[in-house]
N, C-alpha and C. Protein backbone atom coordinates (compact mmCIF):
# COMPACT_ATOMS: atom_id res chain seq x y z
N GLN A 1 260.10 156.42 154.18
CA GLN A 1 259.43 157.72 154.21
C GLN A 1 260.23 158.67 155.10
N VAL A 2 260.53 159.83 154.55
CA VAL A 2 261.32 160.81 155.29
C VAL A 2 260.43 161.60 156.23
N GLN A 3 260.85 161.73 157.47
CA GLN A 3 260.13 162.54 158.45
C GLN A 3 261.10 163.45 159.17
N LEU A 4 260.65 164.68 159.41
CA LEU A 4 261.42 165.62 160.22
C LEU A 4 260.70 165.78 161.55
N VAL A 5 261.44 165.67 162.62
CA VAL A 5 260.85 165.77 163.95
C VAL A 5 261.56 166.85 164.74
N GLU A 6 260.78 167.87 165.16
CA GLU A 6 261.35 168.96 165.94
C GLU A 6 261.18 168.70 167.43
N SER A 7 262.04 169.30 168.21
CA SER A 7 261.91 169.28 169.66
C SER A 7 262.55 170.54 170.23
N GLY A 8 262.21 170.84 171.48
CA GLY A 8 262.86 171.95 172.17
C GLY A 8 262.02 173.20 172.32
N GLY A 9 260.82 173.21 171.78
CA GLY A 9 259.96 174.38 171.95
C GLY A 9 259.46 174.48 173.38
N GLY A 10 258.78 175.58 173.68
CA GLY A 10 258.24 175.76 175.01
C GLY A 10 257.94 177.21 175.29
N SER A 11 257.78 177.52 176.56
CA SER A 11 257.47 178.89 176.99
C SER A 11 258.66 179.47 177.73
N VAL A 12 258.92 180.73 177.50
CA VAL A 12 260.07 181.40 178.12
C VAL A 12 259.72 182.87 178.30
N GLN A 13 260.35 183.50 179.25
CA GLN A 13 260.15 184.93 179.46
C GLN A 13 260.99 185.74 178.47
N PRO A 14 260.59 186.96 178.21
CA PRO A 14 261.41 187.82 177.32
C PRO A 14 262.85 187.90 177.81
N GLY A 15 263.77 187.81 176.86
CA GLY A 15 265.17 187.81 177.20
C GLY A 15 265.74 186.42 177.42
N GLY A 16 264.88 185.43 177.47
CA GLY A 16 265.32 184.07 177.70
C GLY A 16 265.82 183.38 176.44
N SER A 17 266.16 182.11 176.59
CA SER A 17 266.73 181.33 175.49
C SER A 17 266.03 179.99 175.36
N LEU A 18 266.01 179.49 174.15
CA LEU A 18 265.53 178.15 173.84
C LEU A 18 266.41 177.58 172.74
N ARG A 19 266.47 176.26 172.69
CA ARG A 19 267.23 175.60 171.64
C ARG A 19 266.33 174.59 170.96
N LEU A 20 266.14 174.76 169.67
CA LEU A 20 265.32 173.84 168.89
C LEU A 20 266.22 172.83 168.18
N SER A 21 265.73 171.61 168.09
CA SER A 21 266.44 170.57 167.37
C SER A 21 265.51 169.94 166.34
N CYS A 22 266.09 169.49 165.26
CA CYS A 22 265.32 168.81 164.22
C CYS A 22 266.15 167.63 163.72
N ALA A 23 265.54 166.49 163.68
CA ALA A 23 266.22 165.30 163.20
C ALA A 23 265.35 164.62 162.14
N ALA A 24 265.99 164.18 161.08
CA ALA A 24 265.29 163.51 160.00
C ALA A 24 265.47 162.01 160.13
N SER A 25 264.40 161.30 159.86
CA SER A 25 264.47 159.84 159.83
C SER A 25 264.04 159.36 158.46
N GLY A 26 264.53 158.20 158.10
CA GLY A 26 264.13 157.61 156.83
C GLY A 26 264.85 158.17 155.62
N SER A 27 265.87 158.99 155.84
CA SER A 27 266.59 159.59 154.71
C SER A 27 267.93 158.90 154.54
N ILE A 28 268.16 158.40 153.35
CA ILE A 28 269.44 157.75 153.08
C ILE A 28 270.50 158.79 152.75
N PHE A 29 270.10 159.82 152.02
CA PHE A 29 271.03 160.83 151.57
C PHE A 29 271.01 162.05 152.50
N SER A 30 272.07 162.82 152.40
CA SER A 30 272.16 164.04 153.22
C SER A 30 271.41 165.18 152.53
N PHE A 31 270.65 165.92 153.31
CA PHE A 31 269.99 167.10 152.79
C PHE A 31 271.01 168.18 152.47
N ASN A 32 270.79 168.87 151.35
CA ASN A 32 271.66 169.99 151.01
C ASN A 32 271.33 171.20 151.88
N ALA A 33 270.07 171.47 152.05
CA ALA A 33 269.63 172.63 152.82
C ALA A 33 268.74 172.20 153.96
N MET A 34 269.01 172.75 155.12
CA MET A 34 268.13 172.56 156.28
C MET A 34 267.93 173.92 156.94
N GLY A 35 266.75 174.14 157.44
CA GLY A 35 266.50 175.45 158.03
C GLY A 35 265.27 175.47 158.90
N TRP A 36 264.92 176.66 159.32
CA TRP A 36 263.78 176.89 160.21
C TRP A 36 262.91 178.01 159.66
N TYR A 37 261.62 177.78 159.70
CA TYR A 37 260.63 178.79 159.38
C TYR A 37 259.73 178.94 160.61
N ARG A 38 258.96 180.01 160.61
CA ARG A 38 257.99 180.17 161.70
C ARG A 38 256.71 180.79 161.18
N GLN A 39 255.65 180.53 161.91
CA GLN A 39 254.35 181.08 161.55
C GLN A 39 253.61 181.50 162.81
N ALA A 40 253.35 182.79 162.89
CA ALA A 40 252.58 183.33 164.01
C ALA A 40 251.10 183.36 163.64
N PRO A 41 250.21 183.38 164.60
CA PRO A 41 248.77 183.41 164.31
C PRO A 41 248.40 184.57 163.39
N GLY A 42 247.69 184.26 162.33
CA GLY A 42 247.24 185.30 161.41
C GLY A 42 248.29 185.79 160.44
N LYS A 43 249.46 185.18 160.48
CA LYS A 43 250.54 185.62 159.60
C LYS A 43 250.99 184.47 158.71
N GLU A 44 251.71 184.82 157.64
CA GLU A 44 252.24 183.81 156.76
C GLU A 44 253.52 183.21 157.35
N ARG A 45 253.81 182.02 156.89
CA ARG A 45 255.05 181.37 157.31
C ARG A 45 256.22 182.15 156.73
N GLU A 46 257.26 182.34 157.56
CA GLU A 46 258.41 183.13 157.13
C GLU A 46 259.71 182.42 157.48
N LEU A 47 260.72 182.69 156.68
CA LEU A 47 262.03 182.11 156.91
C LEU A 47 262.67 182.72 158.14
N VAL A 48 263.26 181.87 158.96
CA VAL A 48 264.03 182.32 160.12
C VAL A 48 265.52 182.21 159.82
N ALA A 49 265.95 181.03 159.43
CA ALA A 49 267.36 180.80 159.14
C ALA A 49 267.50 179.54 158.32
N VAL A 50 268.52 179.50 157.49
CA VAL A 50 268.78 178.34 156.66
C VAL A 50 270.28 178.14 156.55
N ILE A 51 270.67 176.88 156.47
CA ILE A 51 272.07 176.57 156.29
C ILE A 51 272.20 175.55 155.18
N ASN A 52 273.00 175.88 154.17
CA ASN A 52 273.24 175.01 153.03
C ASN A 52 274.62 174.39 153.16
N SER A 53 274.75 173.18 152.69
CA SER A 53 276.04 172.50 152.75
C SER A 53 277.11 173.32 152.05
N GLY A 54 278.21 173.56 152.74
CA GLY A 54 279.31 174.28 152.15
C GLY A 54 279.14 175.79 152.09
N SER A 55 278.07 176.30 152.69
CA SER A 55 277.82 177.74 152.66
C SER A 55 277.61 178.30 154.06
N SER A 56 277.73 179.59 154.16
CA SER A 56 277.46 180.25 155.44
C SER A 56 275.96 180.32 155.68
N PRO A 57 275.54 180.31 156.92
CA PRO A 57 274.10 180.40 157.21
C PRO A 57 273.51 181.74 156.77
N ASN A 58 272.23 181.71 156.47
CA ASN A 58 271.50 182.94 156.17
C ASN A 58 270.41 183.14 157.22
N TYR A 59 270.26 184.37 157.66
CA TYR A 59 269.29 184.69 158.70
C TYR A 59 268.34 185.78 158.24
N ALA A 60 267.11 185.70 158.74
CA ALA A 60 266.20 186.82 158.57
C ALA A 60 266.72 187.98 159.39
N ASP A 61 266.48 189.19 158.92
CA ASP A 61 266.99 190.37 159.63
C ASP A 61 266.51 190.42 161.07
N PHE A 62 265.29 189.95 161.32
CA PHE A 62 264.73 190.10 162.65
C PHE A 62 265.33 189.14 163.68
N VAL A 63 266.21 188.23 163.27
CA VAL A 63 266.85 187.33 164.24
C VAL A 63 268.37 187.45 164.24
N LYS A 64 268.91 188.26 163.35
CA LYS A 64 270.37 188.41 163.28
C LYS A 64 270.92 188.89 164.61
N GLY A 65 271.97 188.22 165.05
CA GLY A 65 272.60 188.58 166.31
C GLY A 65 271.97 187.92 167.52
N ARG A 66 270.82 187.27 167.32
CA ARG A 66 270.13 186.63 168.44
C ARG A 66 270.02 185.12 168.27
N PHE A 67 269.82 184.66 167.04
CA PHE A 67 269.64 183.24 166.76
C PHE A 67 270.87 182.71 166.03
N THR A 68 271.18 181.44 166.26
CA THR A 68 272.28 180.78 165.57
C THR A 68 271.82 179.42 165.08
N ILE A 69 271.99 179.17 163.79
CA ILE A 69 271.64 177.88 163.21
C ILE A 69 272.91 177.08 162.97
N SER A 70 272.82 175.79 163.18
CA SER A 70 273.98 174.93 162.95
C SER A 70 273.51 173.54 162.59
N ARG A 71 274.34 172.81 161.88
CA ARG A 71 274.05 171.42 161.60
C ARG A 71 274.55 170.58 162.78
N GLY A 72 273.78 169.60 163.16
CA GLY A 72 274.16 168.74 164.24
C GLY A 72 275.23 167.75 163.82
N ASN A 73 275.80 167.06 164.79
CA ASN A 73 276.83 166.06 164.50
C ASN A 73 276.26 164.86 163.75
N ALA A 74 275.03 164.51 164.06
CA ALA A 74 274.39 163.40 163.35
C ALA A 74 273.93 163.88 161.99
N LYS A 75 273.90 162.98 161.02
CA LYS A 75 273.46 163.33 159.69
C LYS A 75 272.04 163.83 159.71
N ASN A 76 271.78 164.86 158.91
CA ASN A 76 270.42 165.38 158.73
C ASN A 76 269.79 165.85 160.03
N THR A 77 270.58 166.55 160.82
CA THR A 77 270.06 167.24 162.00
C THR A 77 270.41 168.72 161.91
N VAL A 78 269.55 169.53 162.46
CA VAL A 78 269.80 170.97 162.46
C VAL A 78 269.32 171.54 163.78
N LEU A 79 270.07 172.51 164.28
CA LEU A 79 269.79 173.12 165.57
C LEU A 79 269.53 174.60 165.39
N LEU A 80 268.74 175.16 166.27
CA LEU A 80 268.52 176.61 166.27
C LEU A 80 268.61 177.10 167.71
N GLN A 81 269.68 177.80 168.01
CA GLN A 81 269.85 178.41 169.32
C GLN A 81 269.24 179.80 169.29
N MET A 82 268.27 180.02 170.16
CA MET A 82 267.55 181.29 170.17
C MET A 82 267.80 181.99 171.49
N ASN A 83 268.45 183.14 171.43
CA ASN A 83 268.76 183.94 172.60
C ASN A 83 268.02 185.27 172.52
N SER A 84 267.97 185.96 173.65
CA SER A 84 267.32 187.28 173.71
C SER A 84 265.94 187.26 173.07
N LEU A 85 265.16 186.27 173.42
CA LEU A 85 263.85 186.10 172.81
C LEU A 85 262.92 187.25 173.16
N LYS A 86 262.08 187.59 172.19
CA LYS A 86 261.13 188.68 172.33
C LYS A 86 259.71 188.14 172.18
N PRO A 87 258.73 188.83 172.70
CA PRO A 87 257.35 188.37 172.53
C PRO A 87 256.97 188.17 171.06
N GLU A 88 257.52 188.98 170.19
CA GLU A 88 257.22 188.85 168.76
C GLU A 88 257.84 187.62 168.12
N ASP A 89 258.66 186.90 168.85
CA ASP A 89 259.21 185.63 168.37
C ASP A 89 258.22 184.48 168.59
N THR A 90 257.14 184.75 169.28
CA THR A 90 256.13 183.73 169.53
C THR A 90 255.54 183.24 168.21
N ALA A 91 255.62 181.93 168.00
CA ALA A 91 255.15 181.34 166.75
C ALA A 91 255.33 179.83 166.83
N VAL A 92 254.78 179.15 165.83
CA VAL A 92 255.10 177.74 165.62
C VAL A 92 256.32 177.70 164.70
N TYR A 93 257.34 177.00 165.13
CA TYR A 93 258.58 176.91 164.37
C TYR A 93 258.62 175.57 163.65
N TYR A 94 258.92 175.63 162.35
CA TYR A 94 258.93 174.45 161.50
C TYR A 94 260.33 174.19 160.97
N CYS A 95 260.72 172.94 161.04
CA CYS A 95 261.97 172.52 160.41
C CYS A 95 261.70 172.27 158.93
N HIS A 96 262.66 172.61 158.11
CA HIS A 96 262.55 172.45 156.66
C HIS A 96 263.83 171.81 156.14
N ALA A 97 263.68 170.98 155.13
CA ALA A 97 264.85 170.34 154.52
C ALA A 97 264.61 170.10 153.04
N LYS A 98 265.71 170.08 152.31
CA LYS A 98 265.59 169.92 150.86
C LYS A 98 266.87 169.28 150.33
N TYR A 99 266.68 168.34 149.40
CA TYR A 99 267.82 167.78 148.70
C TYR A 99 268.26 168.73 147.59
N ALA A 100 269.52 168.64 147.21
CA ALA A 100 270.04 169.50 146.14
C ALA A 100 269.43 169.15 144.80
N THR A 101 269.05 167.89 144.59
CA THR A 101 268.60 167.45 143.27
C THR A 101 267.09 167.32 143.17
N SER A 102 266.36 167.94 144.07
CA SER A 102 264.91 167.82 144.06
C SER A 102 264.27 169.15 144.42
N TYR A 103 263.08 169.40 143.87
CA TYR A 103 262.33 170.60 144.23
C TYR A 103 261.42 170.34 145.42
N TYR A 104 261.35 169.11 145.90
CA TYR A 104 260.42 168.77 146.98
C TYR A 104 260.92 169.33 148.30
N ASN A 105 259.99 169.89 149.06
CA ASN A 105 260.31 170.44 150.38
C ASN A 105 259.76 169.54 151.48
N TYR A 106 260.61 169.20 152.42
CA TYR A 106 260.19 168.41 153.57
C TYR A 106 259.96 169.35 154.76
N TRP A 107 258.88 169.07 155.50
CA TRP A 107 258.54 169.89 156.66
C TRP A 107 258.31 169.03 157.89
N GLY A 108 258.68 169.58 159.04
CA GLY A 108 258.33 168.95 160.29
C GLY A 108 256.92 169.35 160.69
N GLN A 109 256.47 168.81 161.81
CA GLN A 109 255.11 169.07 162.26
C GLN A 109 254.98 170.39 163.01
N GLY A 110 256.09 170.97 163.38
CA GLY A 110 256.10 172.26 164.07
C GLY A 110 256.20 172.13 165.58
N THR A 111 256.84 173.10 166.19
CA THR A 111 256.95 173.14 167.65
C THR A 111 256.65 174.57 168.11
N GLN A 112 255.84 174.68 169.14
CA GLN A 112 255.39 175.99 169.61
C GLN A 112 256.47 176.65 170.46
N VAL A 113 256.72 177.92 170.17
CA VAL A 113 257.58 178.76 170.99
C VAL A 113 256.75 179.94 171.46
N THR A 114 256.67 180.12 172.76
CA THR A 114 255.89 181.22 173.34
C THR A 114 256.80 182.05 174.23
N VAL A 115 256.84 183.34 173.94
CA VAL A 115 257.66 184.27 174.72
C VAL A 115 256.71 185.26 175.40
N SER A 116 256.62 185.15 176.69
CA SER A 116 255.66 185.97 177.42
C SER A 116 256.10 186.13 178.87
N SER A 117 255.77 187.29 179.42
CA SER A 117 256.07 187.52 180.83
C SER A 117 254.86 187.16 181.69
């Protein structure tokens, strides 16, 4: 059974930084796409950043220049470096992964990020 496990969330002041990590277990094959979504209270889940094998990362406009997504050295890991955090970045951040040959979406359990003074 494939599971995605996030870590690295927490509370930070505006302008601060956090680094999120996501690691998959139980997967024999490499995911084609891995990324991060977020969901704030009362809002729909939205894409933050995604990285596909062999392609450049894609970012939501609201994080461009502040967040950086990368694949980790270990298979099926993805990182999200978040700098210059703003209060509006407060949300539960979810790791997402998908194989190239399947329509099924894998999700992590989510990690809370709170940006507040």
